[in-house]
Amino acid sequence: MTATTKSRVAVSAFFFLPGLCFASWASRIPDISAKLGMNSGQLGQLLLAI
């Protein structure tokens, strides 16, 4: 593998993996807020803190 290819793979992984983590977490926000018994204001403050 050339240095250019290694760099391309590293940059792709750098953007893909956090995006995947955020997407999987963001789709569960309603479940998490319901489980914790949070109203929309509390949820907004939590998301702002993150």
Protein backbone atom coordinates (compact mmCIF):
# COMPACT_ATOMS: atom_id res chain seq x y z
CA MET A 1 0.00 0.00 0.00
CA THR A 2 1.38 3.39 -0.91
CA ALA A 3 1.54 6.31 1.49
CA THR A 4 -1.23 8.07 -0.41
CA THR A 5 -3.54 5.07 -0.11
CA LYS A 6 -2.78 4.69 3.60
CA SER A 7 -3.55 8.35 4.14
CA ARG A 8 -6.80 8.10 2.20
CA VAL A 9 -7.91 5.08 4.24
CA ALA A 10 -7.01 6.83 7.50
CA VAL A 11 -8.91 9.99 6.62
CA SER A 12 -11.91 7.99 5.45
CA ALA A 13 -11.98 6.04 8.71
CA PHE A 14 -11.50 9.26 10.69
CA PHE A 15 -14.72 10.70 9.24
CA PHE A 16 -16.74 7.49 8.84
CA LEU A 17 -16.43 6.02 12.32
CA PRO A 18 -17.50 9.10 14.34
CA GLY A 19 -20.33 9.64 11.87
CA LEU A 20 -21.49 6.08 12.35
CA CYS A 21 -21.34 6.44 16.13
CA PHE A 22 -23.28 9.71 16.08
CA ALA A 23 -25.90 8.33 13.70
CA SER A 24 -26.50 5.26 15.83
CA TRP A 25 -26.70 7.38 18.99
CA ALA A 26 -28.91 10.06 17.44
CA SER A 27 -31.48 7.51 16.32
CA ARG A 28 -31.84 6.35 19.93
CA ILE A 29 -32.36 9.80 21.50
CA PRO A 30 -36.15 9.35 21.89
CA ASP A 31 -35.68 5.97 23.60
CA ILE A 32 -33.01 7.34 25.92
CA SER A 33 -35.08 10.37 26.93
CA ALA A 34 -38.13 8.18 27.57
CA LYS A 35 -36.12 5.72 29.64
CA LEU A 36 -34.63 8.52 31.75
CA GLY A 37 -37.99 10.29 32.04
CA MET A 38 -36.72 13.56 30.58
CA ASN A 39 -38.93 16.27 29.15
CA SER A 40 -37.94 18.18 26.02
CA GLY A 41 -36.31 21.02 27.99
CA GLN A 42 -34.08 18.67 29.94
CA LEU A 43 -33.21 16.77 26.80
CA GLY A 44 -32.31 20.03 25.07
CA GLN A 45 -29.99 20.99 27.93
CA LEU A 46 -28.35 17.59 27.82
CA LEU A 47 -27.79 17.78 24.07
CA LEU A 48 -26.45 21.33 24.41
CA ALA A 49 -23.96 20.13 27.03
CA ILE A 50 -22.72 17.41 24.70
